[in-house]
N, C-alpha and C. Protein backbone atom coordinates (compact mmCIF):
# COMPACT_ATOMS: atom_id res chain seq x y z
N MET A 1 0.82 -1.19 0.00
CA MET A 1 0.00 0.00 0.00
C MET A 1 0.87 1.25 0.00
N GLY A 2 1.93 1.22 0.78
CA GLY A 2 2.84 2.36 0.85
C GLY A 2 3.56 2.60 -0.46
N SER A 3 3.87 1.49 -1.18
CA SER A 3 4.57 1.67 -2.46
C SER A 3 3.64 2.26 -3.52
N ILE A 4 2.34 1.96 -3.46
CA ILE A 4 1.38 2.54 -4.41
C ILE A 4 1.25 4.04 -4.17
N ILE A 5 1.14 4.43 -2.92
CA ILE A 5 1.04 5.86 -2.58
C ILE A 5 2.33 6.57 -2.97
N GLY A 6 3.46 5.93 -2.73
CA GLY A 6 4.75 6.52 -3.11
C GLY A 6 4.85 6.69 -4.62
N ALA A 7 4.39 5.68 -5.39
CA ALA A 7 4.44 5.78 -6.85
C ALA A 7 3.51 6.88 -7.36
N LEU A 8 2.32 6.99 -6.76
CA LEU A 8 1.40 8.05 -7.16
C LEU A 8 1.95 9.43 -6.81
N LEU A 9 2.57 9.55 -5.65
CA LEU A 9 3.18 10.81 -5.23
C LEU A 9 4.33 11.18 -6.16
N LEU A 10 5.14 10.21 -6.53
CA LEU A 10 6.25 10.45 -7.45
C LEU A 10 5.73 10.87 -8.83
N ALA A 11 4.67 10.22 -9.30
CA ALA A 11 4.08 10.58 -10.60
C ALA A 11 3.50 11.99 -10.54
N LEU A 12 2.83 12.33 -9.44
CA LEU A 12 2.25 13.66 -9.29
C LEU A 12 3.33 14.73 -9.25
N LEU A 13 4.39 14.48 -8.51
CA LEU A 13 5.49 15.43 -8.45
C LEU A 13 6.19 15.58 -9.80
N THR A 14 6.32 14.48 -10.52
CA THR A 14 6.96 14.53 -11.84
C THR A 14 6.12 15.35 -12.81
N VAL A 15 4.82 15.10 -12.86
CA VAL A 15 3.93 15.85 -13.76
C VAL A 15 3.88 17.32 -13.34
N GLY A 16 3.76 17.57 -12.04
CA GLY A 16 3.74 18.96 -11.55
C GLY A 16 5.03 19.69 -11.86
N GLY A 17 6.15 19.02 -11.70
CA GLY A 17 7.44 19.62 -12.03
C GLY A 17 7.56 19.90 -13.52
N TRP A 18 7.09 18.99 -14.35
CA TRP A 18 7.14 19.18 -15.80
C TRP A 18 6.28 20.38 -16.21
N ILE A 19 5.08 20.50 -15.65
CA ILE A 19 4.20 21.63 -15.95
C ILE A 19 4.85 22.94 -15.50
N ALA A 20 5.41 22.96 -14.30
CA ALA A 20 6.08 24.17 -13.79
C ALA A 20 7.23 24.57 -14.70
N TRP A 21 8.01 23.59 -15.16
CA TRP A 21 9.13 23.86 -16.07
C TRP A 21 8.62 24.45 -17.39
N GLN A 22 7.56 23.91 -17.95
CA GLN A 22 7.01 24.41 -19.21
C GLN A 22 6.53 25.85 -19.07
N VAL A 23 5.84 26.17 -17.98
CA VAL A 23 5.37 27.53 -17.74
C VAL A 23 6.55 28.47 -17.57
N TRP A 24 7.54 28.07 -16.81
CA TRP A 24 8.73 28.91 -16.59
C TRP A 24 9.49 29.12 -17.89
N ASP A 25 9.60 28.10 -18.71
CA ASP A 25 10.34 28.17 -19.98
C ASP A 25 9.56 28.98 -21.02
N MET A 26 8.23 29.01 -20.95
CA MET A 26 7.42 29.71 -21.94
C MET A 26 7.43 31.22 -21.72
N ASN A 27 7.53 31.70 -20.49
CA ASN A 27 7.44 33.13 -20.19
C ASN A 27 8.48 33.96 -20.96
N PRO A 28 9.77 33.59 -20.98
CA PRO A 28 10.71 34.40 -21.75
C PRO A 28 10.39 34.41 -23.25
N LYS A 29 9.87 33.33 -23.77
CA LYS A 29 9.54 33.28 -25.19
C LYS A 29 8.41 34.25 -25.52
N VAL A 30 7.40 34.31 -24.66
CA VAL A 30 6.27 35.20 -24.88
C VAL A 30 6.71 36.66 -24.80
N THR A 31 7.48 37.01 -23.76
CA THR A 31 7.92 38.39 -23.62
C THR A 31 8.89 38.78 -24.73
N GLU A 32 9.73 37.86 -25.16
CA GLU A 32 10.67 38.15 -26.26
C GLU A 32 9.91 38.38 -27.56
N THR A 33 8.88 37.59 -27.82
CA THR A 33 8.07 37.78 -29.03
C THR A 33 7.38 39.13 -28.99
N ALA A 34 6.82 39.50 -27.85
CA ALA A 34 6.16 40.80 -27.72
C ALA A 34 7.16 41.93 -27.93
N ARG A 35 8.36 41.78 -27.40
CA ARG A 35 9.40 42.79 -27.59
C ARG A 35 9.79 42.92 -29.05
N ARG A 36 9.90 41.80 -29.74
CA ARG A 36 10.25 41.82 -31.16
C ARG A 36 9.18 42.52 -31.98
N VAL A 37 7.92 42.23 -31.69
CA VAL A 37 6.82 42.88 -32.41
C VAL A 37 6.84 44.38 -32.14
N ASP A 38 7.06 44.78 -30.90
CA ASP A 38 7.13 46.21 -30.57
C ASP A 38 8.27 46.89 -31.32
N ARG A 39 9.42 46.24 -31.42
CA ARG A 39 10.54 46.83 -32.16
C ARG A 39 10.22 46.97 -33.63
N ILE A 40 9.57 45.99 -34.22
CA ILE A 40 9.19 46.06 -35.63
C ILE A 40 8.21 47.20 -35.86
N VAL A 41 7.23 47.33 -34.98
CA VAL A 41 6.23 48.39 -35.12
C VAL A 41 6.88 49.76 -34.95
N ASP A 42 7.84 49.89 -34.02
CA ASP A 42 8.52 51.17 -33.84
C ASP A 42 9.33 51.58 -35.06
N VAL A 43 9.90 50.61 -35.75
CA VAL A 43 10.69 50.90 -36.94
C VAL A 43 9.80 51.28 -38.10
N LEU A 44 8.62 50.72 -38.17
CA LEU A 44 7.71 50.97 -39.27
C LEU A 44 6.47 51.73 -38.77
N PRO A 45 6.56 53.06 -38.63
CA PRO A 45 5.43 53.81 -38.07
C PRO A 45 4.18 53.73 -38.94
N ASP A 46 4.33 53.59 -40.24
CA ASP A 46 3.15 53.47 -41.11
C ASP A 46 2.36 52.22 -40.77
N VAL A 47 3.07 51.16 -40.44
CA VAL A 47 2.41 49.90 -40.08
C VAL A 47 1.64 50.08 -38.78
N LYS A 48 2.23 50.82 -37.85
CA LYS A 48 1.57 51.07 -36.56
C LYS A 48 0.24 51.79 -36.78
N ILE A 49 0.23 52.79 -37.63
CA ILE A 49 -1.00 53.54 -37.91
C ILE A 49 -2.01 52.65 -38.61
N ARG A 50 -1.55 51.86 -39.58
CA ARG A 50 -2.46 50.99 -40.32
C ARG A 50 -3.07 49.93 -39.41
N ILE A 51 -2.27 49.37 -38.50
CA ILE A 51 -2.80 48.37 -37.57
C ILE A 51 -3.86 49.00 -36.67
N ALA A 52 -3.61 50.21 -36.18
CA ALA A 52 -4.59 50.89 -35.34
C ALA A 52 -5.87 51.17 -36.11
N GLN A 53 -5.75 51.61 -37.36
CA GLN A 53 -6.94 51.88 -38.16
C GLN A 53 -7.73 50.60 -38.44
N GLU A 54 -7.03 49.52 -38.75
CA GLU A 54 -7.71 48.25 -39.01
C GLU A 54 -8.43 47.76 -37.76
N ASP A 55 -7.79 47.91 -36.60
CA ASP A 55 -8.44 47.49 -35.35
C ASP A 55 -9.70 48.30 -35.10
N LEU A 56 -9.63 49.61 -35.36
CA LEU A 56 -10.82 50.45 -35.16
C LEU A 56 -11.92 50.07 -36.14
N GLN A 57 -11.56 49.80 -37.38
CA GLN A 57 -12.57 49.46 -38.37
C GLN A 57 -13.23 48.13 -38.05
N LYS A 58 -12.50 47.20 -37.51
CA LYS A 58 -13.06 45.89 -37.20
C LYS A 58 -13.95 45.93 -35.96
N ARG A 59 -13.53 46.66 -34.96
CA ARG A 59 -14.21 46.59 -33.68
C ARG A 59 -15.25 47.67 -33.47
N VAL A 60 -15.01 48.85 -34.01
CA VAL A 60 -15.93 49.96 -33.76
C VAL A 60 -16.86 50.09 -34.96
N ARG A 61 -18.12 49.90 -34.75
CA ARG A 61 -19.13 50.03 -35.81
C ARG A 61 -19.93 51.31 -35.62
N LEU A 62 -20.12 51.70 -34.37
CA LEU A 62 -20.97 52.84 -34.06
C LEU A 62 -20.37 53.57 -32.86
N ALA A 63 -20.36 54.90 -32.92
CA ALA A 63 -19.84 55.69 -31.80
C ALA A 63 -20.88 56.73 -31.41
N LEU A 64 -20.96 57.01 -30.14
CA LEU A 64 -21.86 58.03 -29.61
C LEU A 64 -20.98 59.06 -28.90
N LEU A 65 -20.93 60.27 -29.44
CA LEU A 65 -20.12 61.34 -28.88
C LEU A 65 -21.04 62.38 -28.26
N THR A 66 -20.67 62.87 -27.08
CA THR A 66 -21.47 63.91 -26.43
C THR A 66 -20.54 65.02 -25.98
N THR A 67 -21.10 66.23 -25.87
CA THR A 67 -20.35 67.35 -25.33
C THR A 67 -20.65 67.46 -23.84
N GLU A 68 -19.95 68.35 -23.18
CA GLU A 68 -20.23 68.59 -21.77
C GLU A 68 -21.62 69.20 -21.65
N PRO A 69 -22.44 68.72 -20.74
CA PRO A 69 -23.78 69.31 -20.58
C PRO A 69 -23.68 70.75 -20.06
N THR A 70 -24.57 71.57 -20.54
CA THR A 70 -24.65 72.95 -20.06
C THR A 70 -26.03 73.16 -19.44
N GLU A 71 -26.06 73.94 -18.37
CA GLU A 71 -27.31 74.18 -17.67
C GLU A 71 -28.03 75.34 -18.36
N ILE A 72 -29.22 75.06 -18.91
CA ILE A 72 -30.02 76.07 -19.59
C ILE A 72 -30.74 76.91 -18.55
N ARG A 73 -31.48 76.25 -17.70
CA ARG A 73 -32.18 76.86 -16.56
C ARG A 73 -31.87 76.01 -15.34
N THR A 74 -32.29 76.46 -14.21
CA THR A 74 -32.03 75.71 -12.98
C THR A 74 -32.64 74.31 -13.09
N GLY A 75 -31.79 73.31 -13.01
CA GLY A 75 -32.23 71.93 -13.07
C GLY A 75 -32.49 71.41 -14.47
N GLU A 76 -32.27 72.21 -15.50
CA GLU A 76 -32.50 71.78 -16.88
C GLU A 76 -31.17 71.86 -17.65
N TRP A 77 -30.75 70.71 -18.17
CA TRP A 77 -29.46 70.60 -18.83
C TRP A 77 -29.64 70.21 -20.29
N ALA A 78 -28.69 70.59 -21.13
CA ALA A 78 -28.72 70.22 -22.55
C ALA A 78 -27.31 69.85 -22.99
N THR A 79 -27.23 68.97 -23.97
CA THR A 79 -25.94 68.56 -24.52
C THR A 79 -26.10 68.23 -25.99
N MET A 80 -25.01 68.33 -26.74
CA MET A 80 -25.01 67.94 -28.14
C MET A 80 -24.60 66.47 -28.22
N VAL A 81 -25.32 65.71 -29.01
CA VAL A 81 -25.05 64.29 -29.18
C VAL A 81 -24.83 64.02 -30.66
N GLU A 82 -23.77 63.28 -30.96
CA GLU A 82 -23.51 62.91 -32.35
C GLU A 82 -23.33 61.40 -32.42
N VAL A 83 -24.04 60.78 -33.34
CA VAL A 83 -23.93 59.34 -33.57
C VAL A 83 -23.19 59.16 -34.89
N ILE A 84 -22.10 58.39 -34.85
CA ILE A 84 -21.30 58.15 -36.05
C ILE A 84 -21.37 56.67 -36.39
N ASP A 85 -21.80 56.37 -37.59
CA ASP A 85 -21.86 54.99 -38.09
C ASP A 85 -20.65 54.79 -39.00
N PHE A 86 -19.65 54.04 -38.53
CA PHE A 86 -18.43 53.85 -39.29
C PHE A 86 -18.65 52.97 -40.51
N ALA A 87 -19.64 52.10 -40.45
CA ALA A 87 -19.90 51.21 -41.59
C ALA A 87 -20.39 52.01 -42.80
N SER A 88 -21.28 52.98 -42.57
CA SER A 88 -21.81 53.77 -43.70
C SER A 88 -21.04 55.07 -43.89
N GLY A 89 -20.27 55.47 -42.87
CA GLY A 89 -19.52 56.72 -42.97
C GLY A 89 -20.38 57.94 -42.73
N LYS A 90 -21.54 57.77 -42.15
CA LYS A 90 -22.45 58.89 -41.93
C LYS A 90 -22.56 59.20 -40.44
N GLY A 91 -22.90 60.45 -40.18
CA GLY A 91 -23.09 60.88 -38.79
C GLY A 91 -24.36 61.69 -38.68
N LYS A 92 -24.88 61.77 -37.48
CA LYS A 92 -26.09 62.54 -37.23
C LYS A 92 -25.91 63.21 -35.86
N ASN A 93 -26.15 64.53 -35.83
CA ASN A 93 -26.02 65.18 -34.53
C ASN A 93 -27.35 65.84 -34.17
N SER A 94 -27.56 65.98 -32.87
CA SER A 94 -28.79 66.60 -32.38
C SER A 94 -28.53 67.13 -30.97
N ARG A 95 -29.44 67.99 -30.56
CA ARG A 95 -29.36 68.58 -29.21
C ARG A 95 -30.41 67.91 -28.33
N HIS A 96 -29.97 67.47 -27.15
CA HIS A 96 -30.89 66.77 -26.25
C HIS A 96 -30.96 67.50 -24.92
N LYS A 97 -32.17 67.52 -24.37
CA LYS A 97 -32.40 68.11 -23.04
C LYS A 97 -32.64 67.02 -22.05
C-alpha cells in the first residue's frame, strides 16, 4: 500500500514539475516575441498607424459622442449628441435636453 502511494506521489510530483518547467520556460519566449513585435512596429510607423486603423474598423461600428452638458435653466441641462456609423460613414447630430 505504501509503495502505491509513493508511486502516485512520485508521478504527481513529476507531472507537476514538468508543468512548472514548461510555464517557466514559456514566459521568456512570450515576452521576447512581444518585444520583437514592438521593435518592428517602432521601426515601421506606417504599419503602426495601419494596424490601429484596421483594429478600429473591425471593432468599432458605431460611436456616440457627447459634449459637456450645459445648464439652460435651474435643473435643466442640454448637450449635443452625435452618432457616427463607421460602416456607412455617416453621422447625425442633435441637441438633447
